[in-house]
Amino acid sequence: VQVGGSLRLSCAASGRTFSMYTMAWFRQAAGKEREFVAVISRSG
């Protein structure tokens, strides 16, 4: 995407207990440590 643009990432989970998990996004740039981006509670 170009600078200033938008993207929507999706994360599909298996199983019937998805609502029992806290979910998060992390990212890792080349040559760098994996870093926290965002987290959401079980209920949202």
Full PDB file with SEQRES, HELIX, SHEET, SSBOND, CRYST1, ORIGX, SCALE, CONECT and MASTER records, all heavy atoms in Angstrom:
SEQRES   1 A   44  VAL GLN VAL GLY GLY SER LEU ARG LEU SER CYS ALA ALA          
SEQRES   2 A   44  SER GLY ARG THR PHE SER MET TYR THR MET ALA TRP PHE          
SEQRES   3 A   44  ARG GLN ALA ALA GLY LYS GLU ARG GLU PHE VAL ALA VAL          
SEQRES   4 A   44  ILE SER ARG SER GLY                                          
HELIX    1 AA1 PHE A   18  MET A   20  5                                   3    
SHEET    1 AA1 2 MET A  23  ARG A  27  0                                        
SHEET    2 AA1 2 GLU A  35  ILE A  40 -1                                        
CRYST1    1.000    1.000    1.000  90.00  90.00  90.00 P 1           1          
ORIGX1      1.000000  0.000000  0.000000        0.00000                         
ORIGX2      0.000000  1.000000  0.000000        0.00000                         
ORIGX3      0.000000  0.000000  1.000000        0.00000                         
SCALE1      1.000000  0.000000  0.000000        0.00000                         
SCALE2      0.000000  1.000000  0.000000        0.00000                         
SCALE3      0.000000  0.000000  1.000000        0.00000                         
ATOM      1  N   VAL A   1       0.844  -1.185   0.000  1.00  0.00           N  
ATOM      2  CA  VAL A   1       0.000   0.000   0.000  1.00  0.00           C  
ATOM      3  C   VAL A   1       0.884   1.242   0.000  1.00  0.00           C  
ATOM      4  O   VAL A   1       2.016   1.202   0.514  1.00  0.00           O  
ATOM      5  CB  VAL A   1      -0.942  -0.012   1.224  1.00  0.00           C  
ATOM      6  CG1 VAL A   1      -0.163   0.074   2.524  1.00  0.00           C  
ATOM      7  CG2 VAL A   1      -1.999   1.073   1.130  1.00  0.00           C  
ATOM      8  N   GLN A   2       0.383   2.311  -0.563  1.00  0.00           N  
ATOM      9  CA  GLN A   2       1.138   3.564  -0.561  1.00  0.00           C  
ATOM     10  C   GLN A   2       0.988   4.291   0.768  1.00  0.00           C  
ATOM     11  O   GLN A   2       0.035   4.068   1.524  1.00  0.00           O  
ATOM     12  CB  GLN A   2       0.656   4.457  -1.699  1.00  0.00           C  
ATOM     13  CG  GLN A   2       1.065   3.963  -3.078  1.00  0.00           C  
ATOM     14  CD  GLN A   2       0.724   4.956  -4.166  1.00  0.00           C  
ATOM     15  OE1 GLN A   2      -0.337   5.571  -4.168  1.00  0.00           O  
ATOM     16  NE2 GLN A   2       1.627   5.115  -5.134  1.00  0.00           N  
ATOM     17  N   VAL A   3       1.920   5.176   1.031  1.00  0.00           N  
ATOM     18  CA  VAL A   3       1.866   5.989   2.250  1.00  0.00           C  
ATOM     19  C   VAL A   3       0.518   6.711   2.326  1.00  0.00           C  
ATOM     20  O   VAL A   3       0.047   7.269   1.334  1.00  0.00           O  
ATOM     21  CB  VAL A   3       3.016   7.017   2.267  1.00  0.00           C  
ATOM     22  CG1 VAL A   3       2.827   8.016   3.389  1.00  0.00           C  
ATOM     23  CG2 VAL A   3       4.360   6.316   2.413  1.00  0.00           C  
ATOM     24  N   GLY A   4      -0.064   6.664   3.515  1.00  0.00           N  
ATOM     25  CA  GLY A   4      -1.371   7.281   3.721  1.00  0.00           C  
ATOM     26  C   GLY A   4      -2.545   6.373   3.440  1.00  0.00           C  
ATOM     27  O   GLY A   4      -3.693   6.741   3.725  1.00  0.00           O  
ATOM     28  N   GLY A   5      -2.271   5.208   2.887  1.00  0.00           N  
ATOM     29  CA  GLY A   5      -3.340   4.274   2.549  1.00  0.00           C  
ATOM     30  C   GLY A   5      -3.805   3.456   3.737  1.00  0.00           C  
ATOM     31  O   GLY A   5      -3.366   3.663   4.876  1.00  0.00           O  
ATOM     32  N   SER A   6      -4.711   2.527   3.457  1.00  0.00           N  
ATOM     33  CA  SER A   6      -5.312   1.699   4.502  1.00  0.00           C  
ATOM     34  C   SER A   6      -5.282   0.229   4.116  1.00  0.00           C  
ATOM     35  O   SER A   6      -5.302  -0.115   2.931  1.00  0.00           O  
ATOM     36  CB  SER A   6      -6.771   2.113   4.724  1.00  0.00           C  
ATOM     37  OG  SER A   6      -6.866   3.449   5.164  1.00  0.00           O  
ATOM     38  N   LEU A   7      -5.243  -0.605   5.149  1.00  0.00           N  
ATOM     39  CA  LEU A   7      -5.372  -2.052   4.986  1.00  0.00           C  
ATOM     40  C   LEU A   7      -6.157  -2.587   6.175  1.00  0.00           C  
ATOM     41  O   LEU A   7      -6.095  -2.019   7.278  1.00  0.00           O  
ATOM     42  CB  LEU A   7      -4.013  -2.751   4.942  1.00  0.00           C  
ATOM     43  CG  LEU A   7      -3.210  -2.746   3.650  1.00  0.00           C  
ATOM     44  CD1 LEU A   7      -1.860  -3.403   3.870  1.00  0.00           C  
ATOM     45  CD2 LEU A   7      -3.964  -3.449   2.525  1.00  0.00           C  
ATOM     46  N   ARG A   8      -6.842  -3.703   5.964  1.00  0.00           N  
ATOM     47  CA  ARG A   8      -7.538  -4.371   7.048  1.00  0.00           C  
ATOM     48  C   ARG A   8      -7.050  -5.809   7.137  1.00  0.00           C  
ATOM     49  O   ARG A   8      -7.217  -6.584   6.189  1.00  0.00           O  
ATOM     50  CB  ARG A   8      -9.045  -4.365   6.826  1.00  0.00           C  
ATOM     51  CG  ARG A   8      -9.845  -4.887   8.022  1.00  0.00           C  
ATOM     52  CD  ARG A   8     -11.266  -5.184   7.608  1.00  0.00           C  
ATOM     53  NE  ARG A   8     -12.168  -5.317   8.737  1.00  0.00           N  
ATOM     54  CZ  ARG A   8     -13.342  -5.939   8.682  1.00  0.00           C  
ATOM     55  NH1 ARG A   8     -13.736  -6.481   7.541  1.00  0.00           N  
ATOM     56  NH2 ARG A   8     -14.111  -6.004   9.737  1.00  0.00           N  
ATOM     57  N   LEU A   9      -6.428  -6.131   8.251  1.00  0.00           N  
ATOM     58  CA  LEU A   9      -5.967  -7.491   8.482  1.00  0.00           C  
ATOM     59  C   LEU A   9      -7.040  -8.286   9.212  1.00  0.00           C  
ATOM     60  O   LEU A   9      -7.772  -7.732  10.036  1.00  0.00           O  
ATOM     61  CB  LEU A   9      -4.684  -7.495   9.314  1.00  0.00           C  
ATOM     62  CG  LEU A   9      -3.524  -6.659   8.785  1.00  0.00           C  
ATOM     63  CD1 LEU A   9      -2.306  -6.830   9.698  1.00  0.00           C  
ATOM     64  CD2 LEU A   9      -3.186  -7.013   7.360  1.00  0.00           C  
ATOM     65  N   SER A  10      -7.099  -9.567   8.910  1.00  0.00           N  
ATOM     66  CA  SER A  10      -8.019 -10.473   9.592  1.00  0.00           C  
ATOM     67  C   SER A  10      -7.238 -11.628  10.190  1.00  0.00           C  
ATOM     68  O   SER A  10      -6.205 -12.036   9.656  1.00  0.00           O  
ATOM     69  CB  SER A  10      -9.059 -11.033   8.613  1.00  0.00           C  
ATOM     70  OG  SER A  10      -9.854 -10.005   8.083  1.00  0.00           O  
ATOM     71  N   CYS A  11      -7.743 -12.149  11.286  1.00  0.00           N  
ATOM     72  CA  CYS A  11      -7.141 -13.310  11.941  1.00  0.00           C  
ATOM     73  C   CYS A  11      -8.279 -14.274  12.271  1.00  0.00           C  
ATOM     74  O   CYS A  11      -9.090 -14.001  13.166  1.00  0.00           O  
ATOM     75  CB  CYS A  11      -6.407 -12.896  13.199  1.00  0.00           C  
ATOM     76  SG  CYS A  11      -5.819 -14.280  14.206  1.00  0.00           S  
ATOM     77  N   ALA A  12      -8.323 -15.378  11.550  1.00  0.00           N  
ATOM     78  CA  ALA A  12      -9.365 -16.379  11.766  1.00  0.00           C  
ATOM     79  C   ALA A  12      -8.860 -17.447  12.729  1.00  0.00           C  
ATOM     80  O   ALA A  12      -7.751 -17.976  12.560  1.00  0.00           O  
ATOM     81  CB  ALA A  12      -9.755 -17.014  10.443  1.00  0.00           C  
ATOM     82  N   ALA A  13      -9.670 -17.764  13.731  1.00  0.00           N  
ATOM     83  CA  ALA A  13      -9.285 -18.741  14.749  1.00  0.00           C  
ATOM     84  C   ALA A  13     -10.141 -19.993  14.645  1.00  0.00           C  
ATOM     85  O   ALA A  13     -11.335 -19.926  14.351  1.00  0.00           O  
ATOM     86  CB  ALA A  13      -9.445 -18.133  16.136  1.00  0.00           C  
ATOM     87  N   SER A  14      -9.494 -21.127  14.892  1.00  0.00           N  
ATOM     88  CA  SER A  14     -10.224 -22.393  14.922  1.00  0.00           C  
ATOM     89  C   SER A  14     -10.784 -22.622  16.313  1.00  0.00           C  
ATOM     90  O   SER A  14     -10.413 -21.943  17.276  1.00  0.00           O  
ATOM     91  CB  SER A  14      -9.287 -23.537  14.550  1.00  0.00           C  
ATOM     92  OG  SER A  14      -8.275 -23.656  15.541  1.00  0.00           O  
ATOM     93  N   GLY A  15     -11.671 -23.590  16.444  1.00  0.00           N  
ATOM     94  CA  GLY A  15     -12.164 -23.960  17.752  1.00  0.00           C  
ATOM     95  C   GLY A  15     -13.429 -23.238  18.163  1.00  0.00           C  
ATOM     96  O   GLY A  15     -13.832 -22.255  17.553  1.00  0.00           O  
ATOM     97  N   ARG A  16     -14.039 -23.723  19.245  1.00  0.00           N  
ATOM     98  CA  ARG A  16     -15.308 -23.180  19.705  1.00  0.00           C  
ATOM     99  C   ARG A  16     -15.163 -22.337  20.955  1.00  0.00           C  
ATOM    100  O   ARG A  16     -16.157 -21.950  21.549  1.00  0.00           O  
ATOM    101  CB  ARG A  16     -16.270 -24.337  19.980  1.00  0.00           C  
ATOM    102  CG  ARG A  16     -16.673 -25.090  18.726  1.00  0.00           C  
ATOM    103  CD  ARG A  16     -17.580 -26.253  19.044  1.00  0.00           C  
ATOM    104  NE  ARG A  16     -16.849 -27.335  19.683  1.00  0.00           N  
ATOM    105  CZ  ARG A  16     -17.407 -28.480  20.045  1.00  0.00           C  
ATOM    106  NH1 ARG A  16     -18.690 -28.672  19.873  1.00  0.00           N  
ATOM    107  NH2 ARG A  16     -16.674 -29.428  20.606  1.00  0.00           N  
ATOM    108  N   THR A  17     -13.923 -22.032  21.357  1.00  0.00           N  
ATOM    109  CA  THR A  17     -13.711 -21.266  22.583  1.00  0.00           C  
ATOM    110  C   THR A  17     -13.045 -19.934  22.301  1.00  0.00           C  
ATOM    111  O   THR A  17     -12.381 -19.374  23.164  1.00  0.00           O  
ATOM    112  CB  THR A  17     -12.854 -22.075  23.557  1.00  0.00           C  
ATOM    113  OG1 THR A  17     -11.594 -22.378  22.942  1.00  0.00           O  
ATOM    114  CG2 THR A  17     -13.560 -23.347  23.978  1.00  0.00           C  
ATOM    115  N   PHE A  18     -13.232 -19.400  21.111  1.00  0.00           N  
ATOM    116  CA  PHE A  18     -12.567 -18.154  20.716  1.00  0.00           C  
ATOM    117  C   PHE A  18     -12.839 -17.036  21.702  1.00  0.00           C  
ATOM    118  O   PHE A  18     -11.950 -16.253  22.026  1.00  0.00           O  
ATOM    119  CB  PHE A  18     -13.044 -17.759  19.321  1.00  0.00           C  
ATOM    120  CG  PHE A  18     -12.490 -16.455  18.829  1.00  0.00           C  
ATOM    121  CD1 PHE A  18     -11.151 -16.347  18.479  1.00  0.00           C  
ATOM    122  CD2 PHE A  18     -13.294 -15.330  18.704  1.00  0.00           C  
ATOM    123  CE1 PHE A  18     -10.620 -15.148  18.008  1.00  0.00           C  
ATOM    124  CE2 PHE A  18     -12.788 -14.132  18.237  1.00  0.00           C  
ATOM    125  CZ  PHE A  18     -11.448 -14.039  17.890  1.00  0.00           C  
ATOM    126  N   SER A  19     -14.043 -16.947  22.199  1.00  0.00           N  
ATOM    127  CA  SER A  19     -14.417 -15.848  23.093  1.00  0.00           C  
ATOM    128  C   SER A  19     -13.709 -15.915  24.446  1.00  0.00           C  
ATOM    129  O   SER A  19     -13.805 -14.976  25.229  1.00  0.00           O  
ATOM    130  CB  SER A  19     -15.933 -15.841  23.300  1.00  0.00           C  
ATOM    131  OG  SER A  19     -16.343 -17.046  23.922  1.00  0.00           O  
ATOM    132  N   MET A  20     -13.017 -17.004  24.715  1.00  0.00           N  
ATOM    133  CA  MET A  20     -12.289 -17.128  25.975  1.00  0.00           C  
ATOM    134  C   MET A  20     -10.856 -16.612  25.864  1.00  0.00           C  
ATOM    135  O   MET A  20     -10.116 -16.612  26.854  1.00  0.00           O  
ATOM    136  CB  MET A  20     -12.278 -18.591  26.411  1.00  0.00           C  
ATOM    137  CG  MET A  20     -13.674 -19.144  26.653  1.00  0.00           C  
ATOM    138  SD  MET A  20     -13.693 -20.880  27.105  1.00  0.00           S  
ATOM    139  CE  MET A  20     -13.047 -20.777  28.760  1.00  0.00           C  
ATOM    140  N   TYR A  21     -10.444 -16.177  24.670  1.00  0.00           N  
ATOM    141  CA  TYR A  21      -9.082 -15.736  24.434  1.00  0.00           C  
ATOM    142  C   TYR A  21      -8.990 -14.226  24.269  1.00  0.00           C  
ATOM    143  O   TYR A  21      -9.774 -13.617  23.545  1.00  0.00           O  
ATOM    144  CB  TYR A  21      -8.514 -16.390  23.174  1.00  0.00           C  
ATOM    145  CG  TYR A  21      -8.251 -17.865  23.320  1.00  0.00           C  
ATOM    146  CD1 TYR A  21      -9.256 -18.799  23.091  1.00  0.00           C  
ATOM    147  CD2 TYR A  21      -6.999 -18.323  23.693  1.00  0.00           C  
ATOM    148  CE1 TYR A  21      -9.022 -20.161  23.237  1.00  0.00           C  
ATOM    149  CE2 TYR A  21      -6.744 -19.679  23.834  1.00  0.00           C  
ATOM    150  CZ  TYR A  21      -7.765 -20.587  23.608  1.00  0.00           C  
ATOM    151  OH  TYR A  21      -7.516 -21.922  23.758  1.00  0.00           O  
ATOM    152  N   THR A  22      -8.013 -13.659  24.949  1.00  0.00           N  
ATOM    153  CA  THR A  22      -7.595 -12.291  24.638  1.00  0.00           C  
ATOM    154  C   THR A  22      -6.771 -12.357  23.361  1.00  0.00           C  
ATOM    155  O   THR A  22      -5.907 -13.225  23.214  1.00  0.00           O  
ATOM    156  CB  THR A  22      -6.751 -11.717  25.782  1.00  0.00           C  
ATOM    157  OG1 THR A  22      -7.561 -11.667  26.969  1.00  0.00           O  
ATOM    158  CG2 THR A  22      -6.257 -10.326  25.443  1.00  0.00           C  
ATOM    159  N   MET A  23      -7.048 -11.440  22.453  1.00  0.00           N  
ATOM    160  CA  MET A  23      -6.391 -11.447  21.145  1.00  0.00           C  
ATOM    161  C   MET A  23      -5.535 -10.203  20.950  1.00  0.00           C  
ATOM    162  O   MET A  23      -5.877  -9.123  21.447  1.00  0.00           O  
ATOM    163  CB  MET A  23      -7.442 -11.512  20.041  1.00  0.00           C  
ATOM    164  CG  MET A  23      -8.363 -12.714  20.108  1.00  0.00           C  
ATOM    165  SD  MET A  23      -7.493 -14.273  19.935  1.00  0.00           S  
ATOM    166  CE  MET A  23      -6.832 -14.104  18.279  1.00  0.00           C  
ATOM    167  N   ALA A  24      -4.433 -10.368  20.232  1.00  0.00           N  
ATOM    168  CA  ALA A  24      -3.527  -9.243  20.018  1.00  0.00           C  
ATOM    169  C   ALA A  24      -2.893  -9.319  18.632  1.00  0.00           C  
ATOM    170  O   ALA A  24      -2.895 -10.368  17.988  1.00  0.00           O  
ATOM    171  CB  ALA A  24      -2.444  -9.235  21.084  1.00  0.00           C  
ATOM    172  N   TRP A  25      -2.354  -8.177  18.223  1.00  0.00           N  
ATOM    173  CA  TRP A  25      -1.531  -8.087  17.029  1.00  0.00           C  
ATOM    174  C   TRP A  25      -0.141  -7.617  17.432  1.00  0.00           C  
ATOM    175  O   TRP A  25       0.001  -6.683  18.238  1.00  0.00           O  
ATOM    176  CB  TRP A  25      -2.126  -7.119  16.024  1.00  0.00           C  
ATOM    177  CG  TRP A  25      -3.371  -7.618  15.361  1.00  0.00           C  
ATOM    178  CD1 TRP A  25      -4.657  -7.385  15.744  1.00  0.00           C  
ATOM    179  CD2 TRP A  25      -3.445  -8.429  14.186  1.00  0.00           C  
ATOM    180  NE1 TRP A  25      -5.536  -7.998  14.887  1.00  0.00           N  
ATOM    181  CE2 TRP A  25      -4.807  -8.655  13.917  1.00  0.00           C  
ATOM    182  CE3 TRP A  25      -2.505  -8.996  13.326  1.00  0.00           C  
ATOM    183  CZ2 TRP A  25      -5.246  -9.410  12.838  1.00  0.00           C  
ATOM    184  CZ3 TRP A  25      -2.935  -9.751  12.253  1.00  0.00           C  
ATOM    185  CH2 TRP A  25      -4.293  -9.950  12.012  1.00  0.00           C  
ATOM    186  N   PHE A  26       0.864  -8.263  16.865  1.00  0.00           N  
ATOM    187  CA  PHE A  26       2.254  -7.861  16.988  1.00  0.00           C  
ATOM    188  C   PHE A  26       2.811  -7.683  15.578  1.00  0.00           C  
ATOM    189  O   PHE A  26       2.206  -8.138  14.611  1.00  0.00           O  
ATOM    190  CB  PHE A  26       3.071  -8.937  17.720  1.00  0.00           C  
ATOM    191  CG  PHE A  26       2.815  -9.003  19.204  1.00  0.00           C  
ATOM    192  CD1 PHE A  26       1.646  -9.565  19.698  1.00  0.00           C  
ATOM    193  CD2 PHE A  26       3.749  -8.515  20.105  1.00  0.00           C  
ATOM    194  CE1 PHE A  26       1.407  -9.637  21.064  1.00  0.00           C  
ATOM    195  CE2 PHE A  26       3.520  -8.579  21.475  1.00  0.00           C  
ATOM    196  CZ  PHE A  26       2.339  -9.145  21.943  1.00  0.00           C  
ATOM    197  N   ARG A  27       3.951  -7.052  15.476  1.00  0.00           N  
ATOM    198  CA  ARG A  27       4.606  -6.922  14.171  1.00  0.00           C  
ATOM    199  C   ARG A  27       6.113  -7.027  14.332  1.00  0.00           C  
ATOM    200  O   ARG A  27       6.665  -6.740  15.393  1.00  0.00           O  
ATOM    201  CB  ARG A  27       4.227  -5.605  13.501  1.00  0.00           C  
ATOM    202  CG  ARG A  27       4.752  -4.356  14.193  1.00  0.00           C  
ATOM    203  CD  ARG A  27       4.194  -3.113  13.511  1.00  0.00           C  
ATOM    204  NE  ARG A  27       4.694  -1.888  14.125  1.00  0.00           N  
ATOM    205  CZ  ARG A  27       4.280  -0.667  13.794  1.00  0.00           C  
ATOM    206  NH1 ARG A  27       3.336  -0.514  12.853  1.00  0.00           N  
ATOM    207  NH2 ARG A  27       4.787   0.393  14.390  1.00  0.00           N  
ATOM    208  N   GLN A  28       6.738  -7.444  13.248  1.00  0.00           N  
ATOM    209  CA  GLN A  28       8.185  -7.597  13.250  1.00  0.00           C  
ATOM    210  C   GLN A  28       8.748  -7.085  11.934  1.00  0.00           C  
ATOM    211  O   GLN A  28       8.497  -7.678  10.872  1.00  0.00           O  
ATOM    212  CB  GLN A  28       8.579  -9.054  13.478  1.00  0.00           C  
ATOM    213  CG  GLN A  28      10.058  -9.269  13.678  1.00  0.00           C  
ATOM    214  CD  GLN A  28      10.377 -10.647  14.209  1.00  0.00           C  
ATOM    215  OE1 GLN A  28       9.538 -11.562  14.191  1.00  0.00           O  
ATOM    216  NE2 GLN A  28      11.569 -10.820  14.724  1.00  0.00           N  
ATOM    217  N   ALA A  29       9.495  -6.004  12.017  1.00  0.00           N  
ATOM    218  CA  ALA A  29      10.176  -5.472  10.848  1.00  0.00           C  
ATOM    219  C   ALA A  29      11.488  -6.222  10.654  1.00  0.00           C  
ATOM    220  O   ALA A  29      12.024  -6.817  11.597  1.00  0.00           O  
ATOM    221  CB  ALA A  29      10.422  -3.988  11.023  1.00  0.00           C  
ATOM    222  N   ALA A  30      12.005  -6.160   9.454  1.00  0.00           N  
ATOM    223  CA  ALA A  30      13.240  -6.864   9.141  1.00  0.00           C  
ATOM    224  C   ALA A  30      14.367  -6.410  10.068  1.00  0.00           C  
ATOM    225  O   ALA A  30      14.620  -5.213  10.220  1.00  0.00           O  
ATOM    226  CB  ALA A  30      13.621  -6.616   7.685  1.00  0.00           C  
ATOM    227  N   GLY A  31      15.015  -7.377  10.701  1.00  0.00           N  
ATOM    228  CA  GLY A  31      16.147  -7.076  11.565  1.00  0.00           C  
ATOM    229  C   GLY A  31      15.783  -6.517  12.929  1.00  0.00           C  
ATOM    230  O   GLY A  31      16.673  -6.113  13.689  1.00  0.00           O  
ATOM    231  N   LYS A  32      14.504  -6.510  13.262  1.00  0.00           N  
ATOM    232  CA  LYS A  32      14.080  -5.949  14.533  1.00  0.00           C  
ATOM    233  C   LYS A  32      13.312  -6.984  15.367  1.00  0.00           C  
ATOM    234  O   LYS A  32      12.885  -8.022  14.863  1.00  0.00           O  
ATOM    235  CB  LYS A  32      13.206  -4.714  14.312  1.00  0.00           C  
ATOM    236  CG  LYS A  32      13.947  -3.554  13.665  1.00  0.00           C  
ATOM    237  CD  LYS A  32      13.093  -2.310  13.637  1.00  0.00           C  
ATOM    238  CE  LYS A  32      13.860  -1.123  13.074  1.00  0.00           C  
ATOM    239  NZ  LYS A  32      13.028   0.120  13.075  1.00  0.00           N  
ATOM    240  N   GLU A  33      13.134  -6.668  16.643  1.00  0.00           N  
ATOM    241  CA  GLU A  33      12.374  -7.524  17.537  1.00  0.00           C  
ATOM    242  C   GLU A  33      10.879  -7.421  17.218  1.00  0.00           C  
ATOM    243  O   GLU A  33      10.400  -6.402  16.715  1.00  0.00           O  
ATOM    244  CB  GLU A  33      12.606  -7.102  18.988  1.00  0.00           C  
ATOM    245  CG  GLU A  33      14.026  -7.265  19.488  1.00  0.00           C  
ATOM    246  CD  GLU A  33      14.353  -8.734  19.721  1.00  0.00           C  
ATOM    247  OE1 GLU A  33      13.486  -9.457  20.233  1.00  0.00           O  
ATOM    248  OE2 GLU A  33      15.477  -9.137  19.369  1.00  0.00           O  
ATOM    249  N   ARG A  34      10.162  -8.487  17.540  1.00  0.00           N  
ATOM    250  CA  ARG A  34       8.715  -8.455  17.401  1.00  0.00           C  
ATOM    251  C   ARG A  34       8.142  -7.511  18.463  1.00  0.00           C  
ATOM    252  O   ARG A  34       8.478  -7.622  19.650  1.00  0.00           O  
ATOM    253  CB  ARG A  34       8.133  -9.855  17.559  1.00  0.00           C  
ATOM    254  CG  ARG A  34       6.687  -9.978  17.137  1.00  0.00           C  
ATOM    255  CD  ARG A  34       6.235 -11.421  17.100  1.00  0.00           C  
ATOM    256  NE  ARG A  34       7.027 -12.227  16.178  1.00  0.00           N  
ATOM    257  CZ  ARG A  34       6.763 -13.484  15.870  1.00  0.00           C  
ATOM    258  NH1 ARG A  34       5.704 -14.085  16.401  1.00  0.00           N  
ATOM    259  NH2 ARG A  34       7.530 -14.133  15.028  1.00  0.00           N  
ATOM    260  N   GLU A  35       7.259  -6.611  18.038  1.00  0.00           N  
ATOM    261  CA  GLU A  35       6.741  -5.618  18.957  1.00  0.00           C  
ATOM    262  C   GLU A  35       5.217  -5.628  19.015  1.00  0.00           C  
ATOM    263  O   GLU A  35       4.543  -5.971  18.045  1.00  0.00           O  
ATOM    264  CB  GLU A  35       7.218  -4.209  18.556  1.00  0.00           C  
ATOM    265  CG  GLU A  35       6.705  -3.723  17.230  1.00  0.00           C  
ATOM    266  CD  GLU A  35       7.118  -2.283  16.933  1.00  0.00           C  
ATOM    267  OE1 GLU A  35       7.867  -1.682  17.714  1.00  0.00           O  
ATOM    268  OE2 GLU A  35       6.647  -1.748  15.904  1.00  0.00           O  
ATOM    269  N   PHE A  36       4.708  -5.221  20.160  1.00  0.00           N  
ATOM    270  CA  PHE A  36       3.280  -5.145  20.399  1.00  0.00           C  
ATOM    271  C   PHE A  36       2.655  -4.045  19.554  1.00  0.00           C  
ATOM    272  O   PHE A  36       3.229  -2.956  19.401  1.00  0.00           O  
ATOM    273  CB  PHE A  36       3.036  -4.872  21.884  1.00  0.00           C  
ATOM    274  CG  PHE A  36       1.636  -4.460  22.219  1.00  0.00           C  
ATOM    275  CD1 PHE A  36       0.619  -5.392  22.268  1.00  0.00           C  
ATOM    276  CD2 PHE A  36       1.340  -3.140  22.488  1.00  0.00           C  
ATOM    277  CE1 PHE A  36      -0.675  -5.015  22.585  1.00  0.00           C  
ATOM    278  CE2 PHE A  36       0.050  -2.745  22.805  1.00  0.00           C  
ATOM    279  CZ  PHE A  36      -0.951  -3.679  22.856  1.00  0.00           C  
ATOM    280  N   VAL A  37       1.451  -4.322  19.032  1.00  0.00           N  
ATOM    281  CA  VAL A  37       0.706  -3.331  18.262  1.00  0.00           C  
ATOM    282  C   VAL A  37      -0.613  -2.995  18.965  1.00  0.00           C  
ATOM    283  O   VAL A  37      -0.907  -1.836  19.246  1.00  0.00           O  
ATOM    284  CB  VAL A  37       0.422  -3.840  16.836  1.00  0.00           C  
ATOM    285  CG1 VAL A  37      -0.478  -2.860  16.087  1.00  0.00           C  
ATOM    286  CG2 VAL A  37       1.722  -4.064  16.072  1.00  0.00           C  
ATOM    287  N   ALA A  38      -1.432  -4.032  19.234  1.00  0.00           N  
ATOM    288  CA  ALA A  38      -2.761  -3.791  19.820  1.00  0.00           C  
ATOM    289  C   ALA A  38      -3.268  -5.065  20.461  1.00  0.00           C  
ATOM    290  O   ALA A  38      -2.881  -6.167  20.076  1.00  0.00           O  
ATOM    291  CB  ALA A  38      -3.732  -3.313  18.749  1.00  0.00           C  
ATOM    292  N   VAL A  39      -4.169  -4.884  21.434  1.00  0.00           N  
ATOM    293  CA  VAL A  39      -4.764  -6.025  22.129  1.00  0.00           C  
ATOM    294  C   VAL A  39      -6.238  -5.720  22.388  1.00  0.00           C  
ATOM    295  O   VAL A  39      -6.618  -4.559  22.575  1.00  0.00           O  
ATOM    296  CB  VAL A  39      -4.016  -6.325  23.448  1.00  0.00           C  
ATOM    297  CG1 VAL A  39      -4.031  -5.127  24.375  1.00  0.00           C  
ATOM    298  CG2 VAL A  39      -4.601  -7.558  24.151  1.00  0.00           C  
ATOM    299  N   ILE A  40      -7.057  -6.770  22.404  1.00  0.00           N  
ATOM    300  CA  ILE A  40      -8.481  -6.617  22.661  1.00  0.00           C  
ATOM    301  C   ILE A  40      -8.934  -7.692  23.644  1.00  0.00           C  
ATOM    302  O   ILE A  40      -8.501  -8.847  23.570  1.00  0.00           O  
ATOM    303  CB  ILE A  40      -9.286  -6.667  21.352  1.00  0.00           C  
ATOM    304  CG1 ILE A  40     -10.754  -6.303  21.588  1.00  0.00           C  
ATOM    305  CG2 ILE A  40      -9.156  -8.030  20.664  1.00  0.00           C  
ATOM    306  CD1 ILE A  40     -11.515  -5.992  20.296  1.00  0.00           C  
ATOM    307  N   SER A  41      -9.803  -7.300  24.551  1.00  0.00           N  
ATOM    308  CA  SER A  41     -10.293  -8.223  25.571  1.00  0.00           C  
ATOM    309  C   SER A  41     -11.218  -9.278  24.975  1.00  0.00           C  
ATOM    310  O   SER A  41     -11.628  -9.180  23.819  1.00  0.00           O  
ATOM    311  CB  SER A  41     -11.040  -7.446  26.655  1.00  0.00           C  
ATOM    312  OG  SER A  41     -12.176  -6.802  26.101  1.00  0.00           O  
ATOM    313  N   ARG A  42     -11.562 -10.257  25.784  1.00  0.00           N  
ATOM    314  CA  ARG A  42     -12.382 -11.369  25.320  1.00  0.00           C  
ATOM    315  C   ARG A  42     -13.741 -10.910  24.797  1.00  0.00           C  
ATOM    316  O   ARG A  42     -14.227 -11.431  23.791  1.00  0.00           O  
ATOM    317  CB  ARG A  42     -12.564 -12.387  26.445  1.00  0.00           C  
ATOM    318  CG  ARG A  42     -11.306 -13.153  26.780  1.00  0.00           C  
ATOM    319  CD  ARG A  42     -11.452 -13.961  28.037  1.00  0.00           C  
ATOM    320  NE  ARG A  42     -11.525 -13.102  29.210  1.00  0.00           N  
ATOM    321  CZ  ARG A  42     -11.720 -13.546  30.440  1.00  0.00           C  
ATOM    322  NH1 ARG A  42     -11.881 -14.826  30.664  1.00  0.00           N  
ATOM    323  NH2 ARG A  42     -11.758 -12.711  31.450  1.00  0.00           N  
ATOM    324  N   SER A  43     -14.318  -9.933  25.446  1.00  0.00           N  
ATOM    325  CA  SER A  43     -15.633  -9.443  25.024  1.00  0.00           C  
ATOM    326  C   SER A  43     -15.547  -8.403  23.924  1.00  0.00           C  
ATOM    327  O   SER A  43     -16.546  -8.091  23.273  1.00  0.00           O  
ATOM    328  CB  SER A  43     -16.364  -8.835  26.219  1.00  0.00           C  
ATOM    329  OG  SER A  43     -15.713  -7.646  26.631  1.00  0.00           O  
ATOM    330  N   GLY A  44     -14.350  -7.837  23.757  1.00  0.00           N  
ATOM    331  CA  GLY A  44     -14.174  -6.750  22.809  1.00  0.00           C  
ATOM    332  C   GLY A  44     -14.398  -5.383  23.421  1.00  0.00           C  
ATOM    333  O   GLY A  44     -14.256  -4.369  22.751  1.00  0.00           O  
TER     334      GLY A  44                                                      
MASTER        0    0    0    1    2    0    0    6  333    1    0    4          
END                                                                             
